[in-house]
Amino acid sequence: MAGGWARDGAVQDQIDASIEDELRRMQARPVPRGESLRQCVECDEPIPEPRRQAIPGVKLCVECQQARDSRPVQRGGINRRGSKDSQLK
């Protein structure tokens, strides 16, 4: 049941749209291609052979990749949860 001026199913539509946006963003990420490097570009440590074989074009060692993945990423986009005040105007 939707409240206010929203129609039934509006919340699920917002959830679905958010998921689709995130999937498109993930699919747009560049995929490593080409020959893997033997040394990490950030710390210059050797990249293990199993990692180089598993991910063609890899440029970072596991530790540097984990550090990069754990950094917060600022994402723009639409705030679909608009406040109640903005809906009343």
Protein backbone atom coordinates (compact mmCIF):
# COMPACT_ATOMS: atom_id res chain seq x y z
CA MET A 1 0.00 0.00 0.00
CA ALA A 2 1.38 3.36 -0.99
CA GLY A 3 0.66 6.51 0.95
CA GLY A 4 0.16 10.10 -0.07
CA TRP A 5 0.29 10.69 -3.82
CA ALA A 6 2.36 7.62 -4.59
CA ARG A 7 0.70 4.80 -6.46
CA ASP A 8 0.77 1.18 -5.34
CA GLY A 9 4.12 -0.42 -6.12
CA ALA A 10 6.02 2.88 -6.23
CA VAL A 11 8.43 1.85 -3.49
CA GLN A 12 9.29 -1.41 -5.27
CA ASP A 13 9.80 0.54 -8.51
CA GLN A 14 12.33 2.77 -6.70
CA ILE A 15 14.15 -0.27 -5.32
CA ASP A 16 14.26 -1.90 -8.76
CA ALA A 17 15.55 1.31 -10.35
CA SER A 18 18.30 1.61 -7.73
CA ILE A 19 19.39 -1.98 -8.35
CA GLU A 20 19.41 -1.44 -12.12
CA ASP A 21 21.51 1.72 -11.70
CA GLU A 22 24.06 -0.13 -9.57
CA LEU A 23 24.23 -3.06 -12.01
CA ARG A 24 24.84 -0.67 -14.93
CA ARG A 25 27.56 1.09 -12.92
CA MET A 26 29.27 -2.21 -12.13
CA GLN A 27 29.06 -3.42 -15.73
CA ALA A 28 30.60 -0.16 -16.94
CA ARG A 29 33.74 -0.68 -14.84
CA PRO A 30 36.80 -1.27 -16.96
CA VAL A 31 37.98 -4.87 -17.05
CA PRO A 32 41.73 -5.49 -16.94
CA ARG A 33 43.01 -6.61 -20.33
CA GLY A 34 46.34 -7.51 -21.78
CA GLU A 35 49.37 -8.94 -20.09
CA SER A 36 49.51 -8.91 -16.31
CA LEU A 37 52.33 -7.02 -14.68
CA ARG A 38 54.87 -8.89 -12.58
CA GLN A 39 55.30 -6.03 -10.09
CA CYS A 40 52.55 -4.04 -8.35
CA VAL A 41 52.28 -0.49 -9.71
CA GLU A 42 51.68 0.94 -6.22
CA CYS A 43 54.11 -0.88 -3.92
CA ASP A 44 56.46 -2.55 -6.43
CA GLU A 45 56.05 -5.95 -4.72
CA PRO A 46 55.83 -9.04 -6.94
CA ILE A 47 52.32 -10.09 -7.98
CA PRO A 48 51.87 -13.85 -7.35
CA GLU A 49 51.65 -16.03 -10.46
CA PRO A 50 48.22 -17.51 -9.53
CA ARG A 51 46.78 -13.96 -9.33
CA ARG A 52 48.30 -13.01 -12.69
CA GLN A 53 46.78 -16.10 -14.27
CA ALA A 54 43.38 -15.64 -12.64
CA ILE A 55 43.02 -11.97 -13.61
CA PRO A 56 44.53 -11.14 -17.00
CA GLY A 57 45.84 -7.58 -17.01
CA VAL A 58 46.12 -7.28 -13.23
CA LYS A 59 48.32 -4.39 -12.08
CA LEU A 60 47.98 -4.49 -8.29
CA CYS A 61 48.99 -7.01 -5.65
CA VAL A 62 46.28 -8.40 -3.36
CA GLU A 63 47.09 -6.03 -0.48
CA CYS A 64 47.01 -2.89 -2.64
CA GLN A 65 43.80 -4.04 -4.34
CA GLN A 66 42.15 -4.65 -0.96
CA ALA A 67 43.24 -1.20 0.24
CA ARG A 68 41.83 0.39 -2.92
CA ASP A 69 38.57 -1.54 -2.63
CA SER A 70 38.08 -0.50 0.99
CA ARG A 71 38.29 3.24 0.22
CA PRO A 72 34.90 4.98 0.25
CA VAL A 73 33.69 5.92 -3.21
CA GLN A 74 31.67 9.08 -3.78
CA ARG A 75 28.81 8.36 -6.13
CA GLY A 76 26.50 10.90 -7.62
CA GLY A 77 23.02 10.04 -8.57
CA ILE A 78 19.42 10.60 -7.80
CA ASN A 79 18.10 10.59 -4.27
CA ARG A 80 14.95 8.59 -4.82
CA ARG A 81 13.95 8.79 -1.17
CA GLY A 82 12.89 12.46 -1.30
CA SER A 83 11.84 13.93 2.01
CA LYS A 84 8.23 14.26 2.98
CA ASP A 85 8.56 18.06 2.92
CA SER A 86 9.67 18.04 -0.71
CA GLN A 87 6.64 15.94 -1.66
CA LEU A 88 4.24 18.39 -0.04
CA LYS A 89 5.44 21.45 -1.97
